[in-house]
Amino acid sequence: MICTVGEWVVKKGRRKEFERRWQELANALVLDYPDLTFRLLRDQGDPWRFVALTEGWRTTEQVAEVQSLPGYQDALTKLWRVVESGETSTLELAVEIS
């Protein structure tokens, strides 16, 4: 299992704009990649901190392909305008217990 994670600290007063821009990006991607699941989580202790989780990637090559698309790059640039800091990672499942 491959997933991507983004941790974002949003600029004060820009939270709703960040949420809207993130949702626009996810909505555009899910049209072409319907197997992906997008979640945006807000930290209850710090309402300016968000964690974005995308699950359902087939391979790390697919992640790289999507992240290189001009539309993805444009949307990410818009996100960066409303955040103080951010970091993204591509993760693979190491252990699962259910």
PDB file of N, CA and C in Angstrom:
ATOM      1  N   MET A   1       0.847  -1.176   0.000  1.00  0.00           N
ATOM      2  CA  MET A   1       0.000   0.000   0.000  1.00  0.00           C
ATOM      3  C   MET A   1       0.894   1.242   0.000  1.00  0.00           C
ATOM      4  N   ILE A   2       0.582   2.164  -0.879  1.00  0.00           N
ATOM      5  CA  ILE A   2       1.288   3.440  -0.982  1.00  0.00           C
ATOM      6  C   ILE A   2       0.304   4.548  -0.614  1.00  0.00           C
ATOM      7  N   CYS A   3       0.741   5.501   0.203  1.00  0.00           N
ATOM      8  CA  CYS A   3      -0.078   6.673   0.488  1.00  0.00           C
ATOM      9  C   CYS A   3       0.822   7.905   0.519  1.00  0.00           C
ATOM     10  N   THR A   4       0.211   9.049   0.344  1.00  0.00           N
ATOM     11  CA  THR A   4       0.932  10.304   0.454  1.00  0.00           C
ATOM     12  C   THR A   4       0.352  11.095   1.613  1.00  0.00           C
ATOM     13  N   VAL A   5       1.223  11.837   2.277  1.00  0.00           N
ATOM     14  CA  VAL A   5       0.842  12.634   3.428  1.00  0.00           C
ATOM     15  C   VAL A   5       1.420  14.031   3.260  1.00  0.00           C
ATOM     16  N   GLY A   6       0.612  15.020   3.555  1.00  0.00           N
ATOM     17  CA  GLY A   6       1.086  16.398   3.584  1.00  0.00           C
ATOM     18  C   GLY A   6       0.759  17.000   4.933  1.00  0.00           C
ATOM     19  N   GLU A   7       1.726  17.662   5.534  1.00  0.00           N
ATOM     20  CA  GLU A   7       1.492  18.384   6.787  1.00  0.00           C
ATOM     21  C   GLU A   7       1.631  19.859   6.480  1.00  0.00           C
ATOM     22  N   TRP A   8       0.599  20.629   6.829  1.00  0.00           N
ATOM     23  CA  TRP A   8       0.532  22.032   6.445  1.00  0.00           C
ATOM     24  C   TRP A   8       0.195  22.898   7.650  1.00  0.00           C
ATOM     25  N   VAL A   9       0.870  24.023   7.773  1.00  0.00           N
ATOM     26  CA  VAL A   9       0.507  25.051   8.742  1.00  0.00           C
ATOM     27  C   VAL A   9       0.050  26.255   7.931  1.00  0.00           C
ATOM     28  N   VAL A  10      -1.226  26.587   8.083  1.00  0.00           N
ATOM     29  CA  VAL A  10      -1.866  27.609   7.260  1.00  0.00           C
ATOM     30  C   VAL A  10      -1.669  28.989   7.879  1.00  0.00           C
ATOM     31  N   LYS A  11      -1.512  29.995   7.011  1.00  0.00           N
ATOM     32  CA  LYS A  11      -1.397  31.380   7.469  1.00  0.00           C
ATOM     33  C   LYS A  11      -2.680  31.791   8.181  1.00  0.00           C
ATOM     34  N   LYS A  12      -2.541  32.592   9.206  1.00  0.00           N
ATOM     35  CA  LYS A  12      -3.698  33.093   9.949  1.00  0.00           C
ATOM     36  C   LYS A  12      -4.655  33.792   8.992  1.00  0.00           C
ATOM     37  N   GLY A  13      -5.933  33.504   9.159  1.00  0.00           N
ATOM     38  CA  GLY A  13      -6.961  34.117   8.326  1.00  0.00           C
ATOM     39  C   GLY A  13      -7.144  33.480   6.960  1.00  0.00           C
ATOM     40  N   ARG A  14      -6.396  32.428   6.651  1.00  0.00           N
ATOM     41  CA  ARG A  14      -6.459  31.807   5.314  1.00  0.00           C
ATOM     42  C   ARG A  14      -6.961  30.365   5.360  1.00  0.00           C
ATOM     43  N   ARG A  15      -7.487  29.941   6.513  1.00  0.00           N
ATOM     44  CA  ARG A  15      -7.889  28.545   6.691  1.00  0.00           C
ATOM     45  C   ARG A  15      -8.950  28.110   5.684  1.00  0.00           C
ATOM     46  N   LYS A  16     -10.003  28.874   5.534  1.00  0.00           N
ATOM     47  CA  LYS A  16     -11.083  28.492   4.604  1.00  0.00           C
ATOM     48  C   LYS A  16     -10.572  28.450   3.161  1.00  0.00           C
ATOM     49  N   GLU A  17      -9.705  29.387   2.814  1.00  0.00           N
ATOM     50  CA  GLU A  17      -9.131  29.391   1.471  1.00  0.00           C
ATOM     51  C   GLU A  17      -8.275  28.146   1.247  1.00  0.00           C
ATOM     52  N   PHE A  18      -7.486  27.771   2.251  1.00  0.00           N
ATOM     53  CA  PHE A  18      -6.678  26.563   2.151  1.00  0.00           C
ATOM     54  C   PHE A  18      -7.575  25.346   1.941  1.00  0.00           C
ATOM     55  N   GLU A  19      -8.613  25.230   2.770  1.00  0.00           N
ATOM     56  CA  GLU A  19      -9.524  24.085   2.656  1.00  0.00           C
ATOM     57  C   GLU A  19     -10.150  24.029   1.268  1.00  0.00           C
ATOM     58  N   ARG A  20     -10.565  25.189   0.753  1.00  0.00           N
ATOM     59  CA  ARG A  20     -11.187  25.236  -0.575  1.00  0.00           C
ATOM     60  C   ARG A  20     -10.182  24.835  -1.666  1.00  0.00           C
ATOM     61  N   ARG A  21      -8.976  25.377  -1.598  1.00  0.00           N
ATOM     62  CA  ARG A  21      -7.964  25.055  -2.610  1.00  0.00           C
ATOM     63  C   ARG A  21      -7.574  23.576  -2.555  1.00  0.00           C
ATOM     64  N   TRP A  22      -7.434  23.031  -1.343  1.00  0.00           N
ATOM     65  CA  TRP A  22      -7.095  21.616  -1.214  1.00  0.00           C
ATOM     66  C   TRP A  22      -8.214  20.762  -1.810  1.00  0.00           C
ATOM     67  N   GLN A  23      -9.462  21.114  -1.520  1.00  0.00           N
ATOM     68  CA  GLN A  23     -10.599  20.352  -2.038  1.00  0.00           C
ATOM     69  C   GLN A  23     -10.666  20.433  -3.561  1.00  0.00           C
ATOM     70  N   GLU A  24     -10.373  21.586  -4.127  1.00  0.00           N
ATOM     71  CA  GLU A  24     -10.348  21.713  -5.589  1.00  0.00           C
ATOM     72  C   GLU A  24      -9.314  20.770  -6.203  1.00  0.00           C
ATOM     73  N   LEU A  25      -8.143  20.701  -5.593  1.00  0.00           N
ATOM     74  CA  LEU A  25      -7.096  19.800  -6.078  1.00  0.00           C
ATOM     75  C   LEU A  25      -7.557  18.345  -5.994  1.00  0.00           C
ATOM     76  N   ALA A  26      -8.102  17.959  -4.853  1.00  0.00           N
ATOM     77  CA  ALA A  26      -8.559  16.575  -4.677  1.00  0.00           C
ATOM     78  C   ALA A  26      -9.691  16.245  -5.645  1.00  0.00           C
ATOM     79  N   ASN A  27     -10.643  17.151  -5.821  1.00  0.00           N
ATOM     80  CA  ASN A  27     -11.757  16.917  -6.742  1.00  0.00           C
ATOM     81  C   ASN A  27     -11.263  16.717  -8.170  1.00  0.00           C
ATOM     82  N   ALA A  28     -10.268  17.494  -8.580  1.00  0.00           N
ATOM     83  CA  ALA A  28      -9.731  17.355  -9.936  1.00  0.00           C
ATOM     84  C   ALA A  28      -9.020  16.022 -10.112  1.00  0.00           C
ATOM     85  N   LEU A  29      -8.257  15.605  -9.102  1.00  0.00           N
ATOM     86  CA  LEU A  29      -7.509  14.345  -9.209  1.00  0.00           C
ATOM     87  C   LEU A  29      -8.415  13.121  -9.187  1.00  0.00           C
ATOM     88  N   VAL A  30      -9.455  13.155  -8.373  1.00  0.00           N
ATOM     89  CA  VAL A  30     -10.299  11.970  -8.244  1.00  0.00           C
ATOM     90  C   VAL A  30     -11.050  11.668  -9.551  1.00  0.00           C
ATOM     91  N   LEU A  31     -11.225  12.668 -10.398  1.00  0.00           N
ATOM     92  CA  LEU A  31     -11.860  12.417 -11.697  1.00  0.00           C
ATOM     93  C   LEU A  31     -11.012  11.478 -12.544  1.00  0.00           C
ATOM     94  N   ASP A  32      -9.701  11.668 -12.536  1.00  0.00           N
ATOM     95  CA  ASP A  32      -8.797  10.849 -13.339  1.00  0.00           C
ATOM     96  C   ASP A  32      -8.264   9.633 -12.587  1.00  0.00           C
ATOM     97  N   TYR A  33      -8.342   9.682 -11.254  1.00  0.00           N
ATOM     98  CA  TYR A  33      -7.814   8.599 -10.420  1.00  0.00           C
ATOM     99  C   TYR A  33      -8.870   8.218  -9.378  1.00  0.00           C
ATOM    100  N   PRO A  34      -9.949   7.554  -9.826  1.00  0.00           N
ATOM    101  CA  PRO A  34     -11.074   7.276  -8.924  1.00  0.00           C
ATOM    102  C   PRO A  34     -10.754   6.294  -7.796  1.00  0.00           C
ATOM    103  N   ASP A  35      -9.631   5.589  -7.860  1.00  0.00           N
ATOM    104  CA  ASP A  35      -9.271   4.656  -6.790  1.00  0.00           C
ATOM    105  C   ASP A  35      -8.634   5.353  -5.591  1.00  0.00           C
ATOM    106  N   LEU A  36      -8.323   6.631  -5.737  1.00  0.00           N
ATOM    107  CA  LEU A  36      -7.696   7.364  -4.638  1.00  0.00           C
ATOM    108  C   LEU A  36      -8.741   7.870  -3.647  1.00  0.00           C
ATOM    109  N   THR A  37      -8.364   7.904  -2.395  1.00  0.00           N
ATOM    110  CA  THR A  37      -9.190   8.471  -1.326  1.00  0.00           C
ATOM    111  C   THR A  37      -8.421   9.624  -0.709  1.00  0.00           C
ATOM    112  N   PHE A  38      -9.078  10.765  -0.633  1.00  0.00           N
ATOM    113  CA  PHE A  38      -8.455  11.984  -0.117  1.00  0.00           C
ATOM    114  C   PHE A  38      -9.097  12.355   1.216  1.00  0.00           C
ATOM    115  N   ARG A  39      -8.265  12.668   2.192  1.00  0.00           N
ATOM    116  CA  ARG A  39      -8.756  13.127   3.494  1.00  0.00           C
ATOM    117  C   ARG A  39      -7.931  14.343   3.918  1.00  0.00           C
ATOM    118  N   LEU A  40      -8.626  15.354   4.429  1.00  0.00           N
ATOM    119  CA  LEU A  40      -7.955  16.511   4.999  1.00  0.00           C
ATOM    120  C   LEU A  40      -8.376  16.590   6.460  1.00  0.00           C
ATOM    121  N   LEU A  41      -7.396  16.476   7.338  1.00  0.00           N
ATOM    122  CA  LEU A  41      -7.645  16.457   8.782  1.00  0.00           C
ATOM    123  C   LEU A  41      -7.114  17.732   9.413  1.00  0.00           C
ATOM    124  N   ARG A  42      -7.900  18.310  10.326  1.00  0.00           N
ATOM    125  CA  ARG A  42      -7.474  19.521  11.035  1.00  0.00           C
ATOM    126  C   ARG A  42      -7.153  19.149  12.475  1.00  0.00           C
ATOM    127  N   ASP A  43      -6.049  19.649  12.951  1.00  0.00           N
ATOM    128  CA  ASP A  43      -5.581  19.393  14.310  1.00  0.00           C
ATOM    129  C   ASP A  43      -6.507  20.104  15.301  1.00  0.00           C
ATOM    130  N   GLN A  44      -7.110  19.361  16.211  1.00  0.00           N
ATOM    131  CA  GLN A  44      -8.018  19.960  17.187  1.00  0.00           C
ATOM    132  C   GLN A  44      -7.289  20.875  18.164  1.00  0.00           C
ATOM    133  N   GLY A  45      -6.023  20.610  18.411  1.00  0.00           N
ATOM    134  CA  GLY A  45      -5.249  21.441  19.322  1.00  0.00           C
ATOM    135  C   GLY A  45      -4.647  22.667  18.665  1.00  0.00           C
ATOM    136  N   ASP A  46      -4.547  22.654  17.340  1.00  0.00           N
ATOM    137  CA  ASP A  46      -3.973  23.767  16.583  1.00  0.00           C
ATOM    138  C   ASP A  46      -4.760  23.888  15.277  1.00  0.00           C
ATOM    139  N   PRO A  47      -5.785  24.733  15.235  1.00  0.00           N
ATOM    140  CA  PRO A  47      -6.680  24.783  14.070  1.00  0.00           C
ATOM    141  C   PRO A  47      -6.024  25.293  12.791  1.00  0.00           C
ATOM    142  N   TRP A  48      -4.766  25.713  12.848  1.00  0.00           N
ATOM    143  CA  TRP A  48      -4.056  26.160  11.653  1.00  0.00           C
ATOM    144  C   TRP A  48      -3.209  25.031  11.059  1.00  0.00           C
ATOM    145  N   ARG A  49      -3.158  23.889  11.739  1.00  0.00           N
ATOM    146  CA  ARG A  49      -2.350  22.748  11.278  1.00  0.00           C
ATOM    147  C   ARG A  49      -3.270  21.694  10.659  1.00  0.00           C
ATOM    148  N   PHE A  50      -2.905  21.258   9.471  1.00  0.00           N
ATOM    149  CA  PHE A  50      -3.669  20.252   8.738  1.00  0.00           C
ATOM    150  C   PHE A  50      -2.763  19.103   8.328  1.00  0.00           C
ATOM    151  N   VAL A  51      -3.360  17.925   8.223  1.00  0.00           N
ATOM    152  CA  VAL A  51      -2.690  16.764   7.657  1.00  0.00           C
ATOM    153  C   VAL A  51      -3.570  16.264   6.515  1.00  0.00           C
ATOM    154  N   ALA A  52      -2.988  16.149   5.342  1.00  0.00           N
ATOM    155  CA  ALA A  52      -3.687  15.629   4.166  1.00  0.00           C
ATOM    156  C   ALA A  52      -3.193  14.208   3.911  1.00  0.00           C
ATOM    157  N   LEU A  53      -4.120  13.293   3.719  1.00  0.00           N
ATOM    158  CA  LEU A  53      -3.790  11.890   3.501  1.00  0.00           C
ATOM    159  C   LEU A  53      -4.468  11.419   2.215  1.00  0.00           C
ATOM    160  N   THR A  54      -3.679  10.843   1.333  1.00  0.00           N
ATOM    161  CA  THR A  54      -4.223  10.261   0.110  1.00  0.00           C
ATOM    162  C   THR A  54      -3.820   8.794   0.067  1.00  0.00           C
ATOM    163  N   GLU A  55      -4.833   7.939  -0.048  1.00  0.00           N
ATOM    164  CA  GLU A  55      -4.609   6.488  -0.088  1.00  0.00           C
ATOM    165  C   GLU A  55      -5.101   5.932  -1.410  1.00  0.00           C
ATOM    166  N   GLY A  56      -4.551   4.788  -1.794  1.00  0.00           N
ATOM    167  CA  GLY A  56      -5.008   4.093  -2.985  1.00  0.00           C
ATOM    168  C   GLY A  56      -4.057   4.156  -4.166  1.00  0.00           C
ATOM    169  N   TRP A  57      -2.891   4.730  -3.962  1.00  0.00           N
ATOM    170  CA  TRP A  57      -1.904   4.762  -5.045  1.00  0.00           C
ATOM    171  C   TRP A  57      -1.473   3.337  -5.368  1.00  0.00           C
ATOM    172  N   ARG A  58      -1.275   3.044  -6.645  1.00  0.00           N
ATOM    173  CA  ARG A  58      -0.824   1.706  -7.051  1.00  0.00           C
ATOM    174  C   ARG A  58       0.680   1.541  -6.863  1.00  0.00           C
ATOM    175  N   THR A  59       1.432   2.590  -7.248  1.00  0.00           N
ATOM    176  CA  THR A  59       2.897   2.518  -7.204  1.00  0.00           C
ATOM    177  C   THR A  59       3.459   3.905  -6.886  1.00  0.00           C
ATOM    178  N   THR A  60       4.727   3.934  -6.511  1.00  0.00           N
ATOM    179  CA  THR A  60       5.379   5.228  -6.306  1.00  0.00           C
ATOM    180  C   THR A  60       5.567   5.942  -7.645  1.00  0.00           C
ATOM    181  N   GLU A  61       5.650   5.193  -8.725  1.00  0.00           N
ATOM    182  CA  GLU A  61       5.748   5.800 -10.051  1.00  0.00           C
ATOM    183  C   GLU A  61       4.467   6.560 -10.400  1.00  0.00           C
ATOM    184  N   GLN A  62       3.326   6.014  -9.987  1.00  0.00           N
ATOM    185  CA  GLN A  62       2.059   6.710 -10.216  1.00  0.00           C
ATOM    186  C   GLN A  62       2.029   8.034  -9.442  1.00  0.00           C
ATOM    187  N   VAL A  63       2.518   8.015  -8.210  1.00  0.00           N
ATOM    188  CA  VAL A  63       2.587   9.239  -7.406  1.00  0.00           C
ATOM    189  C   VAL A  63       3.439  10.280  -8.127  1.00  0.00           C
ATOM    190  N   ALA A  64       4.610   9.870  -8.569  1.00  0.00           N
ATOM    191  CA  ALA A  64       5.514  10.790  -9.267  1.00  0.00           C
ATOM    192  C   ALA A  64       4.880  11.322 -10.549  1.00  0.00           C
ATOM    193  N   GLU A  65       4.186  10.460 -11.278  1.00  0.00           N
ATOM    194  CA  GLU A  65       3.520  10.874 -12.520  1.00  0.00           C
ATOM    195  C   GLU A  65       2.489  11.965 -12.238  1.00  0.00           C
ATOM    196  N   VAL A  66       1.646  11.740 -11.243  1.00  0.00           N
ATOM    197  CA  VAL A  66       0.603  12.710 -10.909  1.00  0.00           C
ATOM    198  C   VAL A  66       1.228  14.016 -10.415  1.00  0.00           C
ATOM    199  N   GLN A  67       2.237  13.915  -9.570  1.00  0.00           N
ATOM    200  CA  GLN A  67       2.854  15.106  -9.011  1.00  0.00           C
ATOM    201  C   GLN A  67       3.596  15.927 -10.065  1.00  0.00           C
ATOM    202  N   SER A  68       3.887  15.334 -11.209  1.00  0.00           N
ATOM    203  CA  SER A  68       4.563  16.072 -12.278  1.00  0.00           C
ATOM    204  C   SER A  68       3.579  16.743 -13.249  1.00  0.00           C
ATOM    205  N   LEU A  69       2.293  16.455 -13.123  1.00  0.00           N
ATOM    206  CA  LEU A  69       1.305  17.044 -14.026  1.00  0.00           C
ATOM    207  C   LEU A  69       1.229  18.557 -13.833  1.00  0.00           C
ATOM    208  N   PRO A  70       1.139  19.324 -14.930  1.00  0.00           N
ATOM    209  CA  PRO A  70       1.051  20.781 -14.800  1.00  0.00           C
ATOM    210  C   PRO A  70      -0.118  21.241 -13.927  1.00  0.00           C
ATOM    211  N   GLY A  71      -1.273  20.598 -14.044  1.00  0.00           N
ATOM    212  CA  GLY A  71      -2.435  20.972 -13.229  1.00  0.00           C
ATOM    213  C   GLY A  71      -2.193  20.757 -11.753  1.00  0.00           C
ATOM    214  N   TYR A  72      -1.505  19.672 -11.421  1.00  0.00           N
ATOM    215  CA  TYR A  72      -1.157  19.403 -10.026  1.00  0.00           C
ATOM    216  C   TYR A  72      -0.177  20.460  -9.525  1.00  0.00           C
ATOM    217  N   GLN A  73       0.821  20.752 -10.320  1.00  0.00           N
ATOM    218  CA  GLN A  73       1.823  21.750  -9.939  1.00  0.00           C
ATOM    219  C   GLN A  73       1.187  23.121  -9.722  1.00  0.00           C
ATOM    220  N   ASP A  74       0.257  23.504 -10.596  1.00  0.00           N
ATOM    221  CA  ASP A  74      -0.434  24.788 -10.457  1.00  0.00           C
ATOM    222  C   ASP A  74      -1.251  24.832  -9.165  1.00  0.00           C
ATOM    223  N   ALA A  75      -1.976  23.753  -8.895  1.00  0.00           N
ATOM    224  CA  ALA A  75      -2.798  23.698  -7.679  1.00  0.00           C
ATOM    225  C   ALA A  75      -1.921  23.740  -6.432  1.00  0.00           C
ATOM    226  N   LEU A  76      -0.798  23.059  -6.467  1.00  0.00           N
ATOM    227  CA  LEU A  76       0.109  23.052  -5.319  1.00  0.00           C
ATOM    228  C   LEU A  76       0.711  24.441  -5.095  1.00  0.00           C
ATOM    229  N   THR A  77       1.017  25.137  -6.168  1.00  0.00           N
ATOM    230  CA  THR A  77       1.525  26.506  -6.054  1.00  0.00           C
ATOM    231  C   THR A  77       0.507  27.397  -5.352  1.00  0.00           C
ATOM    232  N   LYS A  78      -0.770  27.232  -5.676  1.00  0.00           N
ATOM    233  CA  LYS A  78      -1.829  28.009  -5.028  1.00  0.00           C
ATOM    234  C   LYS A  78      -1.928  27.670  -3.548  1.00  0.00           C
ATOM    235  N   LEU A  79      -1.737  26.394  -3.204  1.00  0.00           N
ATOM    236  CA  LEU A  79      -1.749  26.006  -1.786  1.00  0.00           C
ATOM    237  C   LEU A  79      -0.604  26.670  -1.036  1.00  0.00           C
ATOM    238  N   TRP A  80       0.572  26.677  -1.636  1.00  0.00           N
ATOM    239  CA  TRP A  80       1.746  27.255  -0.972  1.00  0.00           C
ATOM    240  C   TRP A  80       1.560  28.735  -0.660  1.00  0.00           C
ATOM    241  N   ARG A  81       0.711  29.416  -1.409  1.00  0.00           N
ATOM    242  CA  ARG A  81       0.478  30.842  -1.165  1.00  0.00           C
ATOM    243  C   ARG A  81      -0.255  31.099   0.148  1.00  0.00           C
ATOM    244  N   VAL A  82      -0.945  30.109   0.674  1.00  0.00           N
ATOM    245  CA  VAL A  82      -1.749  30.324   1.882  1.00  0.00           C
ATOM    246  C   VAL A  82      -1.213  29.568   3.095  1.00  0.00           C
ATOM    247  N   VAL A  83      -0.019  29.003   2.992  1.00  0.00           N
ATOM    248  CA  VAL A  83       0.543  28.269   4.126  1.00  0.00           C
ATOM    249  C   VAL A  83       1.839  28.906   4.607  1.00  0.00           C
ATOM    250  N   GLU A  84       2.081  28.751   5.905  1.00  0.00           N
ATOM    251  CA  GLU A  84       3.344  29.179   6.511  1.00  0.00           C
ATOM    252  C   GLU A  84       4.440  28.167   6.218  1.00  0.00           C
ATOM    253  N   SER A  85       4.059  26.886   6.320  1.00  0.00           N
ATOM    254  CA  SER A  85       5.024  25.816   6.088  1.00  0.00           C
ATOM    255  C   SER A  85       4.277  24.560   5.657  1.00  0.00           C
ATOM    256  N   GLY A  86       5.015  23.653   5.060  1.00  0.00           N
ATOM    257  CA  GLY A  86       4.412  22.408   4.628  1.00  0.00           C
ATOM    258  C   GLY A  86       5.476  21.391   4.280  1.00  0.00           C
ATOM    259  N   GLU A  87       5.067  20.150   4.327  1.00  0.00           N
ATOM    260  CA  GLU A  87       5.968  19.049   3.991  1.00  0.00           C
ATOM    261  C   GLU A  87       5.117  17.905   3.459  1.00  0.00           C
ATOM    262  N   THR A  88       5.584  17.261   2.403  1.00  0.00           N
ATOM    263  CA  THR A  88       4.869  16.112   1.856  1.00  0.00           C
ATOM    264  C   THR A  88       5.782  14.894   1.838  1.00  0.00           C
ATOM    265  N   SER A  89       5.167  13.729   1.945  1.00  0.00           N
ATOM    266  CA  SER A  89       5.907  12.466   1.948  1.00  0.00           C
ATOM    267  C   SER A  89       5.112  11.409   1.202  1.00  0.00           C
ATOM    268  N   THR A  90       5.838  10.478   0.616  1.00  0.00           N
ATOM    269  CA  THR A  90       5.231   9.273   0.047  1.00  0.00           C
ATOM    270  C   THR A  90       5.632   8.112   0.945  1.00  0.00           C
ATOM    271  N   LEU A  91       4.633   7.389   1.433  1.00  0.00           N
ATOM    272  CA  LEU A  91       4.865   6.338   2.411  1.00  0.00           C
ATOM    273  C   LEU A  91       4.392   5.002   1.882  1.00  0.00           C
ATOM    274  N   GLU A  92       5.070   3.947   2.321  1.00  0.00           N
ATOM    275  CA  GLU A  92       4.615   2.595   1.991  1.00  0.00           C
ATOM    276  C   GLU A  92       4.320   1.861   3.295  1.00  0.00           C
ATOM    277  N   LEU A  93       3.395   0.953   3.223  1.00  0.00           N
ATOM    278  CA  LEU A  93       2.993   0.192   4.413  1.00  0.00           C
ATOM    279  C   LEU A  93       4.143  -0.686   4.886  1.00  0.00           C
ATOM    280  N   ALA A  94       4.451  -0.575   6.169  1.00  0.00           N
ATOM    281  CA  ALA A  94       5.501  -1.405   6.772  1.00  0.00           C
ATOM    282  C   ALA A  94       4.878  -2.533   7.589  1.00  0.00           C
ATOM    283  N   VAL A  95       3.848  -2.214   8.376  1.00  0.00           N
ATOM    284  CA  VAL A  95       3.177  -3.195   9.224  1.00  0.00           C
ATOM    285  C   VAL A  95       1.710  -2.833   9.299  1.00  0.00           C
ATOM    286  N   GLU A  96       0.839  -3.818   9.278  1.00  0.00           N
ATOM    287  CA  GLU A  96      -0.587  -3.592   9.457  1.00  0.00           C
ATOM    288  C   GLU A  96      -1.126  -4.587  10.474  1.00  0.00           C
ATOM    289  N   ILE A  97      -1.866  -4.080  11.422  1.00  0.00           N
ATOM    290  CA  ILE A  97      -2.523  -4.920  12.431  1.00  0.00           C
ATOM    291  C   ILE A  97      -3.989  -4.555  12.453  1.00  0.00           C
ATOM    292  N   SER A  98      -4.841  -5.546  12.325  1.00  0.00           N
ATOM    293  CA  SER A  98      -6.279  -5.257  12.370  1.00  0.00           C
ATOM    294  C   SER A  98      -7.003  -6.298  13.189  1.00  0.00           C
TER     295      SER A  98
END
